[in-house]
Amino acid sequence: MKEIENLSNYAEVEAFINEHELSFLYVSRPDCSVCHAILPKLRALLEHFPQMKLGQVNALQVEEVAGHLSIFTAPTLLLFVKGKEYLREDRFVRFADLEEKLARIYEFYTSD
């Protein structure tokens, strides 16, 4: 399973996004059953992309994440490349489609 970094305030979220060339942010809520179901699948999927870093944010704990990143539902999955948002998936995620999108982006940014 992909290692996950828990981010407990918005300063940590910003630092995570800016410190990693490929940063994947998972915004969830503890009372969200969909969030609990998706996380293990996401961690398994991201194992195929070793240079992508995974960070998790509890939207109830870090409330300002919603305003800063325009998040209206949980879970929200965001991929940032060099600090800019490149991909967003909300609530119900089609993992086959997500894997295809991630593979294209990953190949483009990691090929020499």
PDB file of N, CA and C in Angstrom:
ATOM      1  N   MET A   1       0.834  -1.192   0.000  1.00  0.00           N
ATOM      2  CA  MET A   1       0.000   0.000   0.000  1.00  0.00           C
ATOM      3  C   MET A   1       0.874   1.249   0.000  1.00  0.00           C
ATOM      4  N   LYS A   2       0.400   2.237  -0.701  1.00  0.00           N
ATOM      5  CA  LYS A   2       1.108   3.511  -0.800  1.00  0.00           C
ATOM      6  C   LYS A   2       1.164   4.184   0.573  1.00  0.00           C
ATOM      7  N   GLU A   3       2.340   4.698   0.895  1.00  0.00           N
ATOM      8  CA  GLU A   3       2.495   5.459   2.138  1.00  0.00           C
ATOM      9  C   GLU A   3       1.662   6.733   2.042  1.00  0.00           C
ATOM     10  N   ILE A   4       1.048   7.110   3.156  1.00  0.00           N
ATOM     11  CA  ILE A   4       0.174   8.273   3.166  1.00  0.00           C
ATOM     12  C   ILE A   4       0.643   9.253   4.238  1.00  0.00           C
ATOM     13  N   GLU A   5       0.648  10.525   3.888  1.00  0.00           N
ATOM     14  CA  GLU A   5       1.034  11.565   4.829  1.00  0.00           C
ATOM     15  C   GLU A   5      -0.235  12.289   5.286  1.00  0.00           C
ATOM     16  N   ASN A   6      -0.485  12.279   6.594  1.00  0.00           N
ATOM     17  CA  ASN A   6      -1.652  12.968   7.140  1.00  0.00           C
ATOM     18  C   ASN A   6      -1.317  14.437   7.349  1.00  0.00           C
ATOM     19  N   LEU A   7      -2.153  15.292   6.796  1.00  0.00           N
ATOM     20  CA  LEU A   7      -1.943  16.737   6.848  1.00  0.00           C
ATOM     21  C   LEU A   7      -2.987  17.331   7.781  1.00  0.00           C
ATOM     22  N   SER A   8      -2.535  18.000   8.848  1.00  0.00           N
ATOM     23  CA  SER A   8      -3.458  18.411   9.899  1.00  0.00           C
ATOM     24  C   SER A   8      -3.789  19.900   9.918  1.00  0.00           C
ATOM     25  N   ASN A   9      -3.215  20.676   9.007  1.00  0.00           N
ATOM     26  CA  ASN A   9      -3.598  22.088   8.892  1.00  0.00           C
ATOM     27  C   ASN A   9      -3.318  22.557   7.462  1.00  0.00           C
ATOM     28  N   TYR A  10      -3.852  23.723   7.121  1.00  0.00           N
ATOM     29  CA  TYR A  10      -3.735  24.150   5.725  1.00  0.00           C
ATOM     30  C   TYR A  10      -2.294  24.497   5.334  1.00  0.00           C
ATOM     31  N   ALA A  11      -1.492  24.943   6.275  1.00  0.00           N
ATOM     32  CA  ALA A  11      -0.076  25.221   5.976  1.00  0.00           C
ATOM     33  C   ALA A  11       0.627  23.932   5.542  1.00  0.00           C
ATOM     34  N   GLU A  12       0.302  22.820   6.189  1.00  0.00           N
ATOM     35  CA  GLU A  12       0.881  21.530   5.799  1.00  0.00           C
ATOM     36  C   GLU A  12       0.391  21.110   4.416  1.00  0.00           C
ATOM     37  N   VAL A  13      -0.876  21.391   4.110  1.00  0.00           N
ATOM     38  CA  VAL A  13      -1.422  21.069   2.791  1.00  0.00           C
ATOM     39  C   VAL A  13      -0.658  21.836   1.716  1.00  0.00           C
ATOM     40  N   GLU A  14      -0.497  23.145   1.913  1.00  0.00           N
ATOM     41  CA  GLU A  14       0.242  23.975   0.943  1.00  0.00           C
ATOM     42  C   GLU A  14       1.673  23.487   0.776  1.00  0.00           C
ATOM     43  N   ALA A  15       2.337  23.185   1.888  1.00  0.00           N
ATOM     44  CA  ALA A  15       3.726  22.716   1.825  1.00  0.00           C
ATOM     45  C   ALA A  15       3.801  21.385   1.073  1.00  0.00           C
ATOM     46  N   PHE A  16       2.863  20.483   1.340  1.00  0.00           N
ATOM     47  CA  PHE A  16       2.837  19.182   0.663  1.00  0.00           C
ATOM     48  C   PHE A  16       2.706  19.371  -0.846  1.00  0.00           C
ATOM     49  N   ILE A  17       1.779  20.215  -1.267  1.00  0.00           N
ATOM     50  CA  ILE A  17       1.550  20.468  -2.689  1.00  0.00           C
ATOM     51  C   ILE A  17       2.791  21.059  -3.346  1.00  0.00           C
ATOM     52  N   ASN A  18       3.443  21.982  -2.662  1.00  0.00           N
ATOM     53  CA  ASN A  18       4.575  22.691  -3.255  1.00  0.00           C
ATOM     54  C   ASN A  18       5.903  21.940  -3.159  1.00  0.00           C
ATOM     55  N   GLU A  19       6.025  21.031  -2.211  1.00  0.00           N
ATOM     56  CA  GLU A  19       7.293  20.318  -2.023  1.00  0.00           C
ATOM     57  C   GLU A  19       7.472  19.130  -2.962  1.00  0.00           C
ATOM     58  N   HIS A  20       6.378  18.613  -3.494  1.00  0.00           N
ATOM     59  CA  HIS A  20       6.461  17.426  -4.344  1.00  0.00           C
ATOM     60  C   HIS A  20       6.035  17.773  -5.769  1.00  0.00           C
ATOM     61  N   GLU A  21       6.806  17.304  -6.725  1.00  0.00           N
ATOM     62  CA  GLU A  21       6.462  17.574  -8.124  1.00  0.00           C
ATOM     63  C   GLU A  21       5.112  16.957  -8.486  1.00  0.00           C
ATOM     64  N   LEU A  22       4.852  15.752  -8.009  1.00  0.00           N
ATOM     65  CA  LEU A  22       3.581  15.057  -8.236  1.00  0.00           C
ATOM     66  C   LEU A  22       2.960  14.778  -6.869  1.00  0.00           C
ATOM     67  N   SER A  23       2.001  15.591  -6.477  1.00  0.00           N
ATOM     68  CA  SER A  23       1.359  15.408  -5.176  1.00  0.00           C
ATOM     69  C   SER A  23      -0.122  15.113  -5.361  1.00  0.00           C
ATOM     70  N   PHE A  24      -0.557  14.032  -4.731  1.00  0.00           N
ATOM     71  CA  PHE A  24      -1.945  13.595  -4.819  1.00  0.00           C
ATOM     72  C   PHE A  24      -2.581  13.837  -3.459  1.00  0.00           C
ATOM     73  N   LEU A  25      -3.637  14.630  -3.452  1.00  0.00           N
ATOM     74  CA  LEU A  25      -4.298  15.007  -2.212  1.00  0.00           C
ATOM     75  C   LEU A  25      -5.654  14.317  -2.116  1.00  0.00           C
ATOM     76  N   TYR A  26      -5.880  13.647  -0.992  1.00  0.00           N
ATOM     77  CA  TYR A  26      -7.132  12.941  -0.737  1.00  0.00           C
ATOM     78  C   TYR A  26      -7.838  13.657   0.406  1.00  0.00           C
ATOM     79  N   VAL A  27      -8.956  14.308   0.101  1.00  0.00           N
ATOM     80  CA  VAL A  27      -9.722  15.057   1.103  1.00  0.00           C
ATOM     81  C   VAL A  27     -10.944  14.220   1.469  1.00  0.00           C
ATOM     82  N   SER A  28     -11.056  13.907   2.756  1.00  0.00           N
ATOM     83  CA  SER A  28     -12.130  13.028   3.203  1.00  0.00           C
ATOM     84  C   SER A  28     -12.742  13.541   4.499  1.00  0.00           C
ATOM     85  N   ARG A  29     -13.759  12.830   4.946  1.00  0.00           N
ATOM     86  CA  ARG A  29     -14.417  13.128   6.223  1.00  0.00           C
ATOM     87  C   ARG A  29     -14.541  11.809   6.987  1.00  0.00           C
ATOM     88  N   PRO A  30     -14.387  11.833   8.297  1.00  0.00           N
ATOM     89  CA  PRO A  30     -14.458  10.585   9.058  1.00  0.00           C
ATOM     90  C   PRO A  30     -15.843   9.932   9.031  1.00  0.00           C
ATOM     91  N   ASP A  31     -16.895  10.699   8.796  1.00  0.00           N
ATOM     92  CA  ASP A  31     -18.259  10.160   8.779  1.00  0.00           C
ATOM     93  C   ASP A  31     -18.713   9.747   7.378  1.00  0.00           C
ATOM     94  N   CYS A  32     -17.793   9.639   6.434  1.00  0.00           N
ATOM     95  CA  CYS A  32     -18.107   9.355   5.026  1.00  0.00           C
ATOM     96  C   CYS A  32     -17.782   7.903   4.696  1.00  0.00           C
ATOM     97  N   SER A  33     -18.806   7.095   4.449  1.00  0.00           N
ATOM     98  CA  SER A  33     -18.578   5.681   4.139  1.00  0.00           C
ATOM     99  C   SER A  33     -17.889   5.505   2.786  1.00  0.00           C
ATOM    100  N   VAL A  34     -18.207   6.368   1.833  1.00  0.00           N
ATOM    101  CA  VAL A  34     -17.548   6.303   0.518  1.00  0.00           C
ATOM    102  C   VAL A  34     -16.050   6.567   0.681  1.00  0.00           C
ATOM    103  N   CYS A  35     -15.709   7.518   1.535  1.00  0.00           N
ATOM    104  CA  CYS A  35     -14.294   7.846   1.781  1.00  0.00           C
ATOM    105  C   CYS A  35     -13.533   6.631   2.297  1.00  0.00           C
ATOM    106  N   HIS A  36     -14.134   5.917   3.236  1.00  0.00           N
ATOM    107  CA  HIS A  36     -13.482   4.737   3.815  1.00  0.00           C
ATOM    108  C   HIS A  36     -13.329   3.624   2.789  1.00  0.00           C
ATOM    109  N   ALA A  37     -14.267   3.512   1.861  1.00  0.00           N
ATOM    110  CA  ALA A  37     -14.207   2.473   0.833  1.00  0.00           C
ATOM    111  C   ALA A  37     -13.169   2.787  -0.240  1.00  0.00           C
ATOM    112  N   ILE A  38     -13.025   4.053  -0.575  1.00  0.00           N
ATOM    113  CA  ILE A  38     -12.141   4.459  -1.668  1.00  0.00           C
ATOM    114  C   ILE A  38     -10.670   4.469  -1.272  1.00  0.00           C
ATOM    115  N   LEU A  39     -10.358   4.824  -0.049  1.00  0.00           N
ATOM    116  CA  LEU A  39      -8.957   5.004   0.339  1.00  0.00           C
ATOM    117  C   LEU A  39      -8.081   3.775   0.090  1.00  0.00           C
ATOM    118  N   PRO A  40      -8.478   2.566   0.482  1.00  0.00           N
ATOM    119  CA  PRO A  40      -7.600   1.411   0.192  1.00  0.00           C
ATOM    120  C   PRO A  40      -7.396   1.185  -1.305  1.00  0.00           C
ATOM    121  N   LYS A  41      -8.428   1.398  -2.101  1.00  0.00           N
ATOM    122  CA  LYS A  41      -8.305   1.247  -3.553  1.00  0.00           C
ATOM    123  C   LYS A  41      -7.345   2.290  -4.115  1.00  0.00           C
ATOM    124  N   LEU A  42      -7.448   3.513  -3.606  1.00  0.00           N
ATOM    125  CA  LEU A  42      -6.569   4.592  -4.063  1.00  0.00           C
ATOM    126  C   LEU A  42      -5.119   4.291  -3.695  1.00  0.00           C
ATOM    127  N   ARG A  43      -4.891   3.853  -2.474  1.00  0.00           N
ATOM    128  CA  ARG A  43      -3.528   3.536  -2.047  1.00  0.00           C
ATOM    129  C   ARG A  43      -2.934   2.419  -2.897  1.00  0.00           C
ATOM    130  N   ALA A  44      -3.736   1.422  -3.233  1.00  0.00           N
ATOM    131  CA  ALA A  44      -3.254   0.331  -4.086  1.00  0.00           C
ATOM    132  C   ALA A  44      -2.952   0.835  -5.491  1.00  0.00           C
ATOM    133  N   LEU A  45      -3.816   1.674  -6.029  1.00  0.00           N
ATOM    134  CA  LEU A  45      -3.604   2.228  -7.367  1.00  0.00           C
ATOM    135  C   LEU A  45      -2.325   3.062  -7.429  1.00  0.00           C
ATOM    136  N   LEU A  46      -2.107   3.897  -6.439  1.00  0.00           N
ATOM    137  CA  LEU A  46      -0.947   4.790  -6.457  1.00  0.00           C
ATOM    138  C   LEU A  46       0.380   4.061  -6.259  1.00  0.00           C
ATOM    139  N   GLU A  47       0.337   2.792  -5.876  1.00  0.00           N
ATOM    140  CA  GLU A  47       1.561   1.985  -5.824  1.00  0.00           C
ATOM    141  C   GLU A  47       2.219   1.914  -7.203  1.00  0.00           C
ATOM    142  N   HIS A  48       1.422   2.036  -8.273  1.00  0.00           N
ATOM    143  CA  HIS A  48       1.942   1.968  -9.643  1.00  0.00           C
ATOM    144  C   HIS A  48       2.657   3.254 -10.058  1.00  0.00           C
ATOM    145  N   PHE A  49       2.581   4.277  -9.221  1.00  0.00           N
ATOM    146  CA  PHE A  49       3.162   5.581  -9.540  1.00  0.00           C
ATOM    147  C   PHE A  49       4.081   6.004  -8.389  1.00  0.00           C
ATOM    148  N   PRO A  50       5.280   5.441  -8.324  1.00  0.00           N
ATOM    149  CA  PRO A  50       6.149   5.637  -7.158  1.00  0.00           C
ATOM    150  C   PRO A  50       6.572   7.085  -6.895  1.00  0.00           C
ATOM    151  N   GLN A  51       6.625   7.913  -7.900  1.00  0.00           N
ATOM    152  CA  GLN A  51       7.053   9.295  -7.675  1.00  0.00           C
ATOM    153  C   GLN A  51       5.903  10.199  -7.208  1.00  0.00           C
ATOM    154  N   MET A  52       4.684   9.688  -7.218  1.00  0.00           N
ATOM    155  CA  MET A  52       3.531  10.441  -6.735  1.00  0.00           C
ATOM    156  C   MET A  52       3.453  10.301  -5.226  1.00  0.00           C
ATOM    157  N   LYS A  53       3.335  11.408  -4.538  1.00  0.00           N
ATOM    158  CA  LYS A  53       3.203  11.400  -3.084  1.00  0.00           C
ATOM    159  C   LYS A  53       1.734  11.566  -2.727  1.00  0.00           C
ATOM    160  N   LEU A  54       1.277  10.850  -1.697  1.00  0.00           N
ATOM    161  CA  LEU A  54      -0.128  10.862  -1.292  1.00  0.00           C
ATOM    162  C   LEU A  54      -0.273  11.527   0.065  1.00  0.00           C
ATOM    163  N   GLY A  55      -1.132  12.539   0.101  1.00  0.00           N
ATOM    164  CA  GLY A  55      -1.447  13.215   1.351  1.00  0.00           C
ATOM    165  C   GLY A  55      -2.937  13.145   1.615  1.00  0.00           C
ATOM    166  N   GLN A  56      -3.308  12.988   2.889  1.00  0.00           N
ATOM    167  CA  GLN A  56      -4.720  12.918   3.260  1.00  0.00           C
ATOM    168  C   GLN A  56      -5.066  14.073   4.185  1.00  0.00           C
ATOM    169  N   VAL A  57      -6.244  14.667   3.923  1.00  0.00           N
ATOM    170  CA  VAL A  57      -6.732  15.786   4.734  1.00  0.00           C
ATOM    171  C   VAL A  57      -8.121  15.431   5.245  1.00  0.00           C
ATOM    172  N   ASN A  58      -8.325  15.599   6.531  1.00  0.00           N
ATOM    173  CA  ASN A  58      -9.642  15.453   7.133  1.00  0.00           C
ATOM    174  C   ASN A  58     -10.337  16.807   6.980  1.00  0.00           C
ATOM    175  N   ALA A  59     -11.388  16.851   6.164  1.00  0.00           N
ATOM    176  CA  ALA A  59     -12.066  18.115   5.865  1.00  0.00           C
ATOM    177  C   ALA A  59     -12.737  18.722   7.091  1.00  0.00           C
ATOM    178  N   LEU A  60     -13.049  17.927   8.088  1.00  0.00           N
ATOM    179  CA  LEU A  60     -13.631  18.470   9.321  1.00  0.00           C
ATOM    180  C   LEU A  60     -12.563  19.117  10.195  1.00  0.00           C
ATOM    181  N   GLN A  61     -11.376  18.563  10.169  1.00  0.00           N
ATOM    182  CA  GLN A  61     -10.270  19.089  10.972  1.00  0.00           C
ATOM    183  C   GLN A  61      -9.639  20.321  10.311  1.00  0.00           C
ATOM    184  N   VAL A  62      -9.506  20.300   8.997  1.00  0.00           N
ATOM    185  CA  VAL A  62      -8.880  21.394   8.247  1.00  0.00           C
ATOM    186  C   VAL A  62      -9.984  22.046   7.396  1.00  0.00           C
ATOM    187  N   GLU A  63     -10.856  22.775   8.044  1.00  0.00           N
ATOM    188  CA  GLU A  63     -12.031  23.324   7.373  1.00  0.00           C
ATOM    189  C   GLU A  63     -11.687  24.283   6.238  1.00  0.00           C
ATOM    190  N   GLU A  64     -10.597  25.016   6.352  1.00  0.00           N
ATOM    191  CA  GLU A  64     -10.245  25.999   5.318  1.00  0.00           C
ATOM    192  C   GLU A  64      -9.833  25.366   4.001  1.00  0.00           C
ATOM    193  N   VAL A  65      -9.575  24.048   3.995  1.00  0.00           N
ATOM    194  CA  VAL A  65      -9.221  23.375   2.743  1.00  0.00           C
ATOM    195  C   VAL A  65     -10.362  23.495   1.735  1.00  0.00           C
ATOM    196  N   ALA A  66     -11.595  23.483   2.215  1.00  0.00           N
ATOM    197  CA  ALA A  66     -12.756  23.575   1.315  1.00  0.00           C
ATOM    198  C   ALA A  66     -12.766  24.900   0.566  1.00  0.00           C
ATOM    199  N   GLY A  67     -12.545  25.985   1.265  1.00  0.00           N
ATOM    200  CA  GLY A  67     -12.551  27.292   0.624  1.00  0.00           C
ATOM    201  C   GLY A  67     -11.370  27.515  -0.298  1.00  0.00           C
ATOM    202  N   HIS A  68     -10.189  27.122   0.151  1.00  0.00           N
ATOM    203  CA  HIS A  68      -8.981  27.352  -0.642  1.00  0.00           C
ATOM    204  C   HIS A  68      -8.939  26.502  -1.911  1.00  0.00           C
ATOM    205  N   LEU A  69      -9.486  25.285  -1.840  1.00  0.00           N
ATOM    206  CA  LEU A  69      -9.396  24.370  -2.989  1.00  0.00           C
ATOM    207  C   LEU A  69     -10.747  24.103  -3.641  1.00  0.00           C
ATOM    208  N   SER A  70     -11.769  24.871  -3.285  1.00  0.00           N
ATOM    209  CA  SER A  70     -13.120  24.733  -3.863  1.00  0.00           C
ATOM    210  C   SER A  70     -13.634  23.300  -3.775  1.00  0.00           C
ATOM    211  N   ILE A  71     -13.640  22.779  -2.568  1.00  0.00           N
ATOM    212  CA  ILE A  71     -14.107  21.420  -2.328  1.00  0.00           C
ATOM    213  C   ILE A  71     -15.510  21.485  -1.737  1.00  0.00           C
ATOM    214  N   PHE A  72     -16.447  20.793  -2.390  1.00  0.00           N
ATOM    215  CA  PHE A  72     -17.848  20.844  -1.980  1.00  0.00           C
ATOM    216  C   PHE A  72     -18.386  19.501  -1.517  1.00  0.00           C
ATOM    217  N   THR A  73     -17.613  18.428  -1.673  1.00  0.00           N
ATOM    218  CA  THR A  73     -18.066  17.103  -1.281  1.00  0.00           C
ATOM    219  C   THR A  73     -16.863  16.260  -0.869  1.00  0.00           C
ATOM    220  N   ALA A  74     -17.165  15.157  -0.239  1.00  0.00           N
ATOM    221  CA  ALA A  74     -16.104  14.223   0.136  1.00  0.00           C
ATOM    222  C   ALA A  74     -16.488  12.838  -0.376  1.00  0.00           C
ATOM    223  N   PRO A  75     -15.514  12.083  -0.813  1.00  0.00           N
ATOM    224  CA  PRO A  75     -14.114  12.457  -0.932  1.00  0.00           C
ATOM    225  C   PRO A  75     -13.855  13.280  -2.190  1.00  0.00           C
ATOM    226  N   THR A  76     -12.791  14.036  -2.134  1.00  0.00           N
ATOM    227  CA  THR A  76     -12.292  14.745  -3.306  1.00  0.00           C
ATOM    228  C   THR A  76     -10.835  14.330  -3.492  1.00  0.00           C
ATOM    229  N   LEU A  77     -10.499  13.961  -4.713  1.00  0.00           N
ATOM    230  CA  LEU A  77      -9.152  13.518  -5.054  1.00  0.00           C
ATOM    231  C   LEU A  77      -8.560  14.551  -5.998  1.00  0.00           C
ATOM    232  N   LEU A  78      -7.390  15.053  -5.653  1.00  0.00           N
ATOM    233  CA  LEU A  78      -6.751  16.107  -6.440  1.00  0.00           C
ATOM    234  C   LEU A  78      -5.307  15.727  -6.752  1.00  0.00           C
ATOM    235  N   LEU A  79      -4.919  15.866  -8.002  1.00  0.00           N
ATOM    236  CA  LEU A  79      -3.524  15.678  -8.391  1.00  0.00           C
ATOM    237  C   LEU A  79      -2.946  17.034  -8.756  1.00  0.00           C
ATOM    238  N   PHE A  80      -1.834  17.355  -8.111  1.00  0.00           N
ATOM    239  CA  PHE A  80      -1.111  18.587  -8.409  1.00  0.00           C
ATOM    240  C   PHE A  80       0.216  18.231  -9.054  1.00  0.00           C
ATOM    241  N   VAL A  81       0.546  18.935 -10.120  1.00  0.00           N
ATOM    242  CA  VAL A  81       1.827  18.770 -10.786  1.00  0.00           C
ATOM    243  C   VAL A  81       2.545  20.104 -10.691  1.00  0.00           C
ATOM    244  N   LYS A  82       3.688  20.073 -10.022  1.00  0.00           N
ATOM    245  CA  LYS A  82       4.480  21.282  -9.795  1.00  0.00           C
ATOM    246  C   LYS A  82       3.612  22.391  -9.200  1.00  0.00           C
ATOM    247  N   GLY A  83       2.747  22.023  -8.250  1.00  0.00           N
ATOM    248  CA  GLY A  83       1.938  23.005  -7.523  1.00  0.00           C
ATOM    249  C   GLY A  83       0.651  23.423  -8.189  1.00  0.00           C
ATOM    250  N   LYS A  84       0.371  22.916  -9.394  1.00  0.00           N
ATOM    251  CA  LYS A  84      -0.859  23.291 -10.110  1.00  0.00           C
ATOM    252  C   LYS A  84      -1.787  22.092 -10.214  1.00  0.00           C
ATOM    253  N   GLU A  85      -3.075  22.347 -10.016  1.00  0.00           N
ATOM    254  CA  GLU A  85      -4.046  21.268 -10.095  1.00  0.00           C
ATOM    255  C   GLU A  85      -4.188  20.775 -11.526  1.00  0.00           C
ATOM    256  N   TYR A  86      -4.050  19.455 -11.701  1.00  0.00           N
ATOM    257  CA  TYR A  86      -4.175  18.845 -13.021  1.00  0.00           C
ATOM    258  C   TYR A  86      -5.349  17.897 -13.130  1.00  0.00           C
ATOM    259  N   LEU A  87      -5.822  17.377 -12.004  1.00  0.00           N
ATOM    260  CA  LEU A  87      -6.864  16.367 -12.038  1.00  0.00           C
ATOM    261  C   LEU A  87      -7.701  16.478 -10.777  1.00  0.00           C
ATOM    262  N   ARG A  88      -9.015  16.313 -10.946  1.00  0.00           N
ATOM    263  CA  ARG A  88      -9.942  16.361  -9.816  1.00  0.00           C
ATOM    264  C   ARG A  88     -11.016  15.310 -10.026  1.00  0.00           C
ATOM    265  N   GLU A  89     -11.247  14.518  -9.005  1.00  0.00           N
ATOM    266  CA  GLU A  89     -12.326  13.530  -8.987  1.00  0.00           C
ATOM    267  C   GLU A  89     -13.087  13.737  -7.682  1.00  0.00           C
ATOM    268  N   ASP A  90     -14.412  13.638  -7.748  1.00  0.00           N
ATOM    269  CA  ASP A  90     -15.247  13.840  -6.569  1.00  0.00           C
ATOM    270  C   ASP A  90     -16.144  12.642  -6.334  1.00  0.00           C
ATOM    271  N   ARG A  91     -16.414  12.390  -5.083  1.00  0.00           N
ATOM    272  CA  ARG A  91     -17.413  11.445  -4.578  1.00  0.00           C
ATOM    273  C   ARG A  91     -17.292  10.028  -5.137  1.00  0.00           C
ATOM    274  N   PHE A  92     -17.885   9.749  -6.287  1.00  0.00           N
ATOM    275  CA  PHE A  92     -17.866   8.400  -6.852  1.00  0.00           C
ATOM    276  C   PHE A  92     -16.800   8.338  -7.943  1.00  0.00           C
ATOM    277  N   VAL A  93     -15.774   7.561  -7.704  1.00  0.00           N
ATOM    278  CA  VAL A  93     -14.599   7.538  -8.570  1.00  0.00           C
ATOM    279  C   VAL A  93     -14.605   6.263  -9.415  1.00  0.00           C
ATOM    280  N   ARG A  94     -14.416   6.422 -10.705  1.00  0.00           N
ATOM    281  CA  ARG A  94     -14.242   5.282 -11.608  1.00  0.00           C
ATOM    282  C   ARG A  94     -12.742   5.017 -11.698  1.00  0.00           C
ATOM    283  N   PHE A  95     -12.311   3.969 -11.028  1.00  0.00           N
ATOM    284  CA  PHE A  95     -10.879   3.736 -10.889  1.00  0.00           C
ATOM    285  C   PHE A  95     -10.187   3.389 -12.198  1.00  0.00           C
ATOM    286  N   ALA A  96     -10.871   2.735 -13.118  1.00  0.00           N
ATOM    287  CA  ALA A  96     -10.254   2.436 -14.419  1.00  0.00           C
ATOM    288  C   ALA A  96      -9.959   3.734 -15.159  1.00  0.00           C
ATOM    289  N   ASP A  97     -10.902   4.672 -15.141  1.00  0.00           N
ATOM    290  CA  ASP A  97     -10.687   5.979 -15.783  1.00  0.00           C
ATOM    291  C   ASP A  97      -9.592   6.763 -15.072  1.00  0.00           C
ATOM    292  N   LEU A  98      -9.612   6.730 -13.748  1.00  0.00           N
ATOM    293  CA  LEU A  98      -8.595   7.445 -12.972  1.00  0.00           C
ATOM    294  C   LEU A  98      -7.209   6.903 -13.268  1.00  0.00           C
ATOM    295  N   GLU A  99      -7.073   5.584 -13.319  1.00  0.00           N
ATOM    296  CA  GLU A  99      -5.771   4.986 -13.602  1.00  0.00           C
ATOM    297  C   GLU A  99      -5.253   5.400 -14.977  1.00  0.00           C
ATOM    298  N   GLU A 100      -6.127   5.425 -15.961  1.00  0.00           N
ATOM    299  CA  GLU A 100      -5.733   5.834 -17.311  1.00  0.00           C
ATOM    300  C   GLU A 100      -5.253   7.287 -17.323  1.00  0.00           C
ATOM    301  N   LYS A 101      -5.990   8.171 -16.666  1.00  0.00           N
ATOM    302  CA  LYS A 101      -5.600   9.588 -16.614  1.00  0.00           C
ATOM    303  C   LYS A 101      -4.275   9.761 -15.891  1.00  0.00           C
ATOM    304  N   LEU A 102      -4.129   9.087 -14.753  1.00  0.00           N
ATOM    305  CA  LEU A 102      -2.884   9.189 -13.989  1.00  0.00           C
ATOM    306  C   LEU A 102      -1.699   8.666 -14.783  1.00  0.00           C
ATOM    307  N   ALA A 103      -1.894   7.570 -15.497  1.00  0.00           N
ATOM    308  CA  ALA A 103      -0.808   6.983 -16.287  1.00  0.00           C
ATOM    309  C   ALA A 103      -0.315   7.957 -17.351  1.00  0.00           C
ATOM    310  N   ARG A 104      -1.244   8.623 -18.019  1.00  0.00           N
ATOM    311  CA  ARG A 104      -0.842   9.592 -19.055  1.00  0.00           C
ATOM    312  C   ARG A 104      -0.049  10.749 -18.448  1.00  0.00           C
ATOM    313  N   ILE A 105      -0.552  11.305 -17.365  1.00  0.00           N
ATOM    314  CA  ILE A 105       0.126  12.433 -16.722  1.00  0.00           C
ATOM    315  C   ILE A 105       1.480  11.985 -16.181  1.00  0.00           C
ATOM    316  N   TYR A 106       1.504  10.842 -15.521  1.00  0.00           N
ATOM    317  CA  TYR A 106       2.732  10.331 -14.916  1.00  0.00           C
ATOM    318  C   TYR A 106       3.803  10.085 -15.966  1.00  0.00           C
ATOM    319  N   GLU A 107       3.417   9.460 -17.059  1.00  0.00           N
ATOM    320  CA  GLU A 107       4.372   9.175 -18.129  1.00  0.00           C
ATOM    321  C   GLU A 107       4.956  10.459 -18.703  1.00  0.00           C
ATOM    322  N   PHE A 108       4.115  11.446 -18.898  1.00  0.00           N
ATOM    323  CA  PHE A 108       4.564  12.711 -19.474  1.00  0.00           C
ATOM    324  C   PHE A 108       5.568  13.409 -18.541  1.00  0.00           C
ATOM    325  N   TYR A 109       5.298  13.401 -17.238  1.00  0.00           N
ATOM    326  CA  TYR A 109       6.152  14.142 -16.308  1.00  0.00           C
ATOM    327  C   TYR A 109       7.335  13.367 -15.764  1.00  0.00           C
ATOM    328  N   THR A 110       7.361  12.064 -15.987  1.00  0.00           N
ATOM    329  CA  THR A 110       8.508  11.300 -15.474  1.00  0.00           C
ATOM    330  C   THR A 110       9.411  10.753 -16.557  1.00  0.00           C
ATOM    331  N   SER A 111       9.006  10.865 -17.828  1.00  0.00           N
ATOM    332  CA  SER A 111       9.871  10.362 -18.905  1.00  0.00           C
ATOM    333  C   SER A 111      10.981  11.360 -19.174  1.00  0.00           C
ATOM    334  N   ASP A 112      12.149  10.815 -19.514  1.00  0.00           N
ATOM    335  CA  ASP A 112      13.314  11.690 -19.770  1.00  0.00           C
ATOM    336  C   ASP A 112      13.449  12.027 -21.226  1.00  0.00           C
TER     337      ASP A 112
END
